[in-house]
Amino acid sequence: MEKGFVAMGLFRGSFTFMVGMGCGVYVAQNYNVPNIKKLFNTYVFMARHIEETYRKPKKDDD
């Protein structure tokens, strides 16, 4: 493998990352993007609440 191919792959990967990061920053600043961490925590809380509410009661073997 030649050195030119390795350098080109590194440059292409870095360029793609920088363009994606730039687009992400633009979207985050100009649009109302939801907070993913807050949404995730809300869904986890709802799932736990539903699971605890509808869980079968434990059997007593006394």
PDB file of N, CA and C in Angstrom:
ATOM      1  N   MET A   1       0.845  -1.173   0.000  1.00  0.00           N
ATOM      2  CA  MET A   1       0.000   0.000   0.000  1.00  0.00           C
ATOM      3  C   MET A   1       0.889   1.234   0.000  1.00  0.00           C
ATOM      4  N   GLU A   2       0.520   2.206  -0.766  1.00  0.00           N
ATOM      5  CA  GLU A   2       1.327   3.419  -0.859  1.00  0.00           C
ATOM      6  C   GLU A   2       0.945   4.413   0.222  1.00  0.00           C
ATOM      7  N   LYS A   3       1.859   5.323   0.546  1.00  0.00           N
ATOM      8  CA  LYS A   3       1.614   6.324   1.579  1.00  0.00           C
ATOM      9  C   LYS A   3       0.509   7.298   1.176  1.00  0.00           C
ATOM     10  N   GLY A   4       0.359   7.540  -0.092  1.00  0.00           N
ATOM     11  CA  GLY A   4      -0.656   8.484  -0.561  1.00  0.00           C
ATOM     12  C   GLY A   4      -2.065   8.019  -0.244  1.00  0.00           C
ATOM     13  N   PHE A   5      -2.293   6.707  -0.321  1.00  0.00           N
ATOM     14  CA  PHE A   5      -3.626   6.178  -0.018  1.00  0.00           C
ATOM     15  C   PHE A   5      -3.955   6.330   1.459  1.00  0.00           C
ATOM     16  N   VAL A   6      -2.984   6.108   2.325  1.00  0.00           N
ATOM     17  CA  VAL A   6      -3.207   6.233   3.763  1.00  0.00           C
ATOM     18  C   VAL A   6      -3.493   7.680   4.126  1.00  0.00           C
ATOM     19  N   ALA A   7      -2.722   8.605   3.596  1.00  0.00           N
ATOM     20  CA  ALA A   7      -2.924  10.024   3.888  1.00  0.00           C
ATOM     21  C   ALA A   7      -4.264  10.494   3.346  1.00  0.00           C
ATOM     22  N   MET A   8      -4.658  10.024   2.174  1.00  0.00           N
ATOM     23  CA  MET A   8      -5.930  10.418   1.593  1.00  0.00           C
ATOM     24  C   MET A   8      -7.087   9.885   2.424  1.00  0.00           C
ATOM     25  N   GLY A   9      -6.974   8.650   2.928  1.00  0.00           N
ATOM     26  CA  GLY A   9      -8.013   8.090   3.784  1.00  0.00           C
ATOM     27  C   GLY A   9      -8.151   8.858   5.083  1.00  0.00           C
ATOM     28  N   LEU A  10      -7.032   9.256   5.657  1.00  0.00           N
ATOM     29  CA  LEU A  10      -7.047  10.050   6.881  1.00  0.00           C
ATOM     30  C   LEU A  10      -7.675  11.408   6.623  1.00  0.00           C
ATOM     31  N   PHE A  11      -7.323  12.030   5.523  1.00  0.00           N
ATOM     32  CA  PHE A  11      -7.881  13.339   5.178  1.00  0.00           C
ATOM     33  C   PHE A  11      -9.375  13.230   4.909  1.00  0.00           C
ATOM     34  N   ARG A  12      -9.795  12.214   4.168  1.00  0.00           N
ATOM     35  CA  ARG A  12     -11.208  12.043   3.840  1.00  0.00           C
ATOM     36  C   ARG A  12     -12.023  11.790   5.104  1.00  0.00           C
ATOM     37  N   GLY A  13     -11.528  10.959   6.012  1.00  0.00           N
ATOM     38  CA  GLY A  13     -12.224  10.698   7.272  1.00  0.00           C
ATOM     39  C   GLY A  13     -12.320  11.946   8.138  1.00  0.00           C
ATOM     40  N   SER A  14     -11.243  12.700   8.210  1.00  0.00           N
ATOM     41  CA  SER A  14     -11.255  13.937   8.993  1.00  0.00           C
ATOM     42  C   SER A  14     -12.195  14.958   8.376  1.00  0.00           C
ATOM     43  N   PHE A  15     -12.203  15.052   7.061  1.00  0.00           N
ATOM     44  CA  PHE A  15     -13.078  15.999   6.371  1.00  0.00           C
ATOM     45  C   PHE A  15     -14.539  15.645   6.625  1.00  0.00           C
ATOM     46  N   THR A  16     -14.880  14.370   6.534  1.00  0.00           N
ATOM     47  CA  THR A  16     -16.260  13.936   6.783  1.00  0.00           C
ATOM     48  C   THR A  16     -16.669  14.244   8.220  1.00  0.00           C
ATOM     49  N   PHE A  17     -15.783  13.999   9.164  1.00  0.00           N
ATOM     50  CA  PHE A  17     -16.069  14.289  10.564  1.00  0.00           C
ATOM     51  C   PHE A  17     -16.294  15.780  10.778  1.00  0.00           C
ATOM     52  N   MET A  18     -15.446  16.617  10.191  1.00  0.00           N
ATOM     53  CA  MET A  18     -15.563  18.069  10.360  1.00  0.00           C
ATOM     54  C   MET A  18     -16.844  18.609   9.732  1.00  0.00           C
ATOM     55  N   VAL A  19     -17.223  18.097   8.573  1.00  0.00           N
ATOM     56  CA  VAL A  19     -18.466  18.537   7.933  1.00  0.00           C
ATOM     57  C   VAL A  19     -19.667  18.118   8.785  1.00  0.00           C
ATOM     58  N   GLY A  20     -19.662  16.906   9.288  1.00  0.00           N
ATOM     59  CA  GLY A  20     -20.747  16.441  10.148  1.00  0.00           C
ATOM     60  C   GLY A  20     -20.848  17.247  11.428  1.00  0.00           C
ATOM     61  N   MET A  21     -19.718  17.552  12.017  1.00  0.00           N
ATOM     62  CA  MET A  21     -19.710  18.346  13.234  1.00  0.00           C
ATOM     63  C   MET A  21     -20.224  19.759  12.959  1.00  0.00           C
ATOM     64  N   GLY A  22     -19.819  20.340  11.853  1.00  0.00           N
ATOM     65  CA  GLY A  22     -20.289  21.677  11.482  1.00  0.00           C
ATOM     66  C   GLY A  22     -21.793  21.706  11.250  1.00  0.00           C
ATOM     67  N   CYS A  23     -22.314  20.699  10.565  1.00  0.00           N
ATOM     68  CA  CYS A  23     -23.763  20.616  10.338  1.00  0.00           C
ATOM     69  C   CYS A  23     -24.509  20.429  11.660  1.00  0.00           C
ATOM     70  N   GLY A  24     -23.970  19.629  12.547  1.00  0.00           N
ATOM     71  CA  GLY A  24     -24.599  19.416  13.848  1.00  0.00           C
ATOM     72  C   GLY A  24     -24.644  20.679  14.682  1.00  0.00           C
ATOM     73  N   VAL A  25     -23.579  21.452  14.666  1.00  0.00           N
ATOM     74  CA  VAL A  25     -23.549  22.713  15.406  1.00  0.00           C
ATOM     75  C   VAL A  25     -24.554  23.688  14.814  1.00  0.00           C
ATOM     76  N   TYR A  26     -24.630  23.763  13.497  1.00  0.00           N
ATOM     77  CA  TYR A  26     -25.583  24.661  12.838  1.00  0.00           C
ATOM     78  C   TYR A  26     -27.019  24.305  13.207  1.00  0.00           C
ATOM     79  N   VAL A  27     -27.356  23.021  13.139  1.00  0.00           N
ATOM     80  CA  VAL A  27     -28.711  22.569  13.459  1.00  0.00           C
ATOM     81  C   VAL A  27     -29.028  22.845  14.922  1.00  0.00           C
ATOM     82  N   ALA A  28     -28.084  22.581  15.832  1.00  0.00           N
ATOM     83  CA  ALA A  28     -28.318  22.786  17.258  1.00  0.00           C
ATOM     84  C   ALA A  28     -28.549  24.261  17.584  1.00  0.00           C
ATOM     85  N   GLN A  29     -27.896  25.164  16.860  1.00  0.00           N
ATOM     86  CA  GLN A  29     -28.040  26.589  17.135  1.00  0.00           C
ATOM     87  C   GLN A  29     -29.298  27.182  16.513  1.00  0.00           C
ATOM     88  N   ASN A  30     -29.745  26.649  15.391  1.00  0.00           N
ATOM     89  CA  ASN A  30     -30.821  27.304  14.649  1.00  0.00           C
ATOM     90  C   ASN A  30     -32.165  26.605  14.732  1.00  0.00           C
ATOM     91  N   TYR A  31     -32.227  25.427  15.319  1.00  0.00           N
ATOM     92  CA  TYR A  31     -33.478  24.697  15.409  1.00  0.00           C
ATOM     93  C   TYR A  31     -33.687  24.222  16.831  1.00  0.00           C
ATOM     94  N   ASN A  32     -34.929  23.939  17.180  1.00  0.00           N
ATOM     95  CA  ASN A  32     -35.264  23.474  18.520  1.00  0.00           C
ATOM     96  C   ASN A  32     -35.037  21.959  18.589  1.00  0.00           C
ATOM     97  N   VAL A  33     -33.827  21.574  18.931  1.00  0.00           N
ATOM     98  CA  VAL A  33     -33.445  20.169  18.992  1.00  0.00           C
ATOM     99  C   VAL A  33     -33.694  19.661  20.414  1.00  0.00           C
ATOM    100  N   PRO A  34     -34.414  18.552  20.579  1.00  0.00           N
ATOM    101  CA  PRO A  34     -34.698  18.060  21.931  1.00  0.00           C
ATOM    102  C   PRO A  34     -33.438  17.535  22.618  1.00  0.00           C
ATOM    103  N   ASN A  35     -33.457  17.608  23.940  1.00  0.00           N
ATOM    104  CA  ASN A  35     -32.357  17.082  24.740  1.00  0.00           C
ATOM    105  C   ASN A  35     -32.517  15.567  24.823  1.00  0.00           C
ATOM    106  N   ILE A  36     -31.654  14.835  24.150  1.00  0.00           N
ATOM    107  CA  ILE A  36     -31.764  13.382  24.047  1.00  0.00           C
ATOM    108  C   ILE A  36     -31.618  12.718  25.423  1.00  0.00           C
ATOM    109  N   LYS A  37     -30.717  13.207  26.244  1.00  0.00           N
ATOM    110  CA  LYS A  37     -30.506  12.605  27.560  1.00  0.00           C
ATOM    111  C   LYS A  37     -31.768  12.748  28.416  1.00  0.00           C
ATOM    112  N   LYS A  38     -32.409  13.910  28.358  1.00  0.00           N
ATOM    113  CA  LYS A  38     -33.639  14.129  29.124  1.00  0.00           C
ATOM    114  C   LYS A  38     -34.766  13.234  28.614  1.00  0.00           C
ATOM    115  N   LEU A  39     -34.889  13.101  27.294  1.00  0.00           N
ATOM    116  CA  LEU A  39     -35.907  12.219  26.717  1.00  0.00           C
ATOM    117  C   LEU A  39     -35.676  10.770  27.142  1.00  0.00           C
ATOM    118  N   PHE A  40     -34.435  10.325  27.083  1.00  0.00           N
ATOM    119  CA  PHE A  40     -34.094   8.956  27.460  1.00  0.00           C
ATOM    120  C   PHE A  40     -34.457   8.689  28.922  1.00  0.00           C
ATOM    121  N   ASN A  41     -34.083   9.625  29.803  1.00  0.00           N
ATOM    122  CA  ASN A  41     -34.388   9.451  31.221  1.00  0.00           C
ATOM    123  C   ASN A  41     -35.894   9.421  31.467  1.00  0.00           C
ATOM    124  N   THR A  42     -36.666  10.225  30.726  1.00  0.00           N
ATOM    125  CA  THR A  42     -38.115  10.224  30.855  1.00  0.00           C
ATOM    126  C   THR A  42     -38.686   8.875  30.447  1.00  0.00           C
ATOM    127  N   TYR A  43     -38.227   8.328  29.328  1.00  0.00           N
ATOM    128  CA  TYR A  43     -38.717   7.030  28.869  1.00  0.00           C
ATOM    129  C   TYR A  43     -38.335   5.906  29.825  1.00  0.00           C
ATOM    130  N   VAL A  44     -37.149   5.958  30.399  1.00  0.00           N
ATOM    131  CA  VAL A  44     -36.730   4.943  31.365  1.00  0.00           C
ATOM    132  C   VAL A  44     -37.608   5.021  32.607  1.00  0.00           C
ATOM    133  N   PHE A  45     -37.905   6.241  33.073  1.00  0.00           N
ATOM    134  CA  PHE A  45     -38.775   6.413  34.232  1.00  0.00           C
ATOM    135  C   PHE A  45     -40.165   5.857  33.947  1.00  0.00           C
ATOM    136  N   MET A  46     -40.708   6.155  32.768  1.00  0.00           N
ATOM    137  CA  MET A  46     -42.038   5.659  32.408  1.00  0.00           C
ATOM    138  C   MET A  46     -42.045   4.135  32.327  1.00  0.00           C
ATOM    139  N   ALA A  47     -41.009   3.540  31.753  1.00  0.00           N
ATOM    140  CA  ALA A  47     -40.933   2.089  31.634  1.00  0.00           C
ATOM    141  C   ALA A  47     -40.855   1.440  33.017  1.00  0.00           C
ATOM    142  N   ARG A  48     -40.081   2.011  33.924  1.00  0.00           N
ATOM    143  CA  ARG A  48     -39.983   1.463  35.283  1.00  0.00           C
ATOM    144  C   ARG A  48     -41.321   1.562  36.002  1.00  0.00           C
ATOM    145  N   HIS A  49     -41.993   2.690  35.834  1.00  0.00           N
ATOM    146  CA  HIS A  49     -43.291   2.885  36.476  1.00  0.00           C
ATOM    147  C   HIS A  49     -44.303   1.853  35.972  1.00  0.00           C
ATOM    148  N   ILE A  50     -44.356   1.641  34.681  1.00  0.00           N
ATOM    149  CA  ILE A  50     -45.280   0.662  34.101  1.00  0.00           C
ATOM    150  C   ILE A  50     -44.929  -0.744  34.560  1.00  0.00           C
ATOM    151  N   GLU A  51     -43.644  -1.067  34.588  1.00  0.00           N
ATOM    152  CA  GLU A  51     -43.209  -2.400  35.002  1.00  0.00           C
ATOM    153  C   GLU A  51     -43.573  -2.657  36.464  1.00  0.00           C
ATOM    154  N   GLU A  52     -43.370  -1.670  37.336  1.00  0.00           N
ATOM    155  CA  GLU A  52     -43.694  -1.841  38.747  1.00  0.00           C
ATOM    156  C   GLU A  52     -45.204  -1.899  38.969  1.00  0.00           C
ATOM    157  N   THR A  53     -45.960  -1.171  38.185  1.00  0.00           N
ATOM    158  CA  THR A  53     -47.409  -1.139  38.333  1.00  0.00           C
ATOM    159  C   THR A  53     -48.037  -2.465  37.942  1.00  0.00           C
ATOM    160  N   TYR A  54     -47.588  -3.067  36.868  1.00  0.00           N
ATOM    161  CA  TYR A  54     -48.212  -4.272  36.331  1.00  0.00           C
ATOM    162  C   TYR A  54     -47.462  -5.561  36.652  1.00  0.00           C
ATOM    163  N   ARG A  55     -46.514  -5.498  37.563  1.00  0.00           N
ATOM    164  CA  ARG A  55     -45.747  -6.685  37.942  1.00  0.00           C
ATOM    165  C   ARG A  55     -46.640  -7.649  38.712  1.00  0.00           C
ATOM    166  N   LYS A  56     -46.463  -8.943  38.473  1.00  0.00           N
ATOM    167  CA  LYS A  56     -47.214  -9.946  39.218  1.00  0.00           C
ATOM    168  C   LYS A  56     -46.741  -9.932  40.664  1.00  0.00           C
ATOM    169  N   PRO A  57     -47.680 -10.097  41.602  1.00  0.00           N
ATOM    170  CA  PRO A  57     -47.249 -10.156  43.001  1.00  0.00           C
ATOM    171  C   PRO A  57     -46.467 -11.432  43.283  1.00  0.00           C
ATOM    172  N   LYS A  58     -45.544 -11.360  44.210  1.00  0.00           N
ATOM    173  CA  LYS A  58     -44.748 -12.540  44.562  1.00  0.00           C
ATOM    174  C   LYS A  58     -45.610 -13.516  45.343  1.00  0.00           C
ATOM    175  N   LYS A  59     -45.395 -14.803  45.088  1.00  0.00           N
ATOM    176  CA  LYS A  59     -46.138 -15.835  45.802  1.00  0.00           C
ATOM    177  C   LYS A  59     -45.478 -16.101  47.149  1.00  0.00           C
ATOM    178  N   ASP A  60     -46.312 -16.261  48.154  1.00  0.00           N
ATOM    179  CA  ASP A  60     -45.816 -16.653  49.472  1.00  0.00           C
ATOM    180  C   ASP A  60     -45.957 -18.150  49.612  1.00  0.00           C
ATOM    181  N   ASP A  61     -44.860 -18.870  49.855  1.00  0.00           N
ATOM    182  CA  ASP A  61     -44.883 -20.341  49.970  1.00  0.00           C
ATOM    183  C   ASP A  61     -44.949 -20.784  51.425  1.00  0.00           C
ATOM    184  N   ASP A  62     -45.585 -20.021  52.283  1.00  0.00           N
ATOM    185  CA  ASP A  62     -45.686 -20.369  53.704  1.00  0.00           C
ATOM    186  C   ASP A  62     -46.726 -21.392  53.974  1.00  0.00           C
TER     187      ASP A  62
END
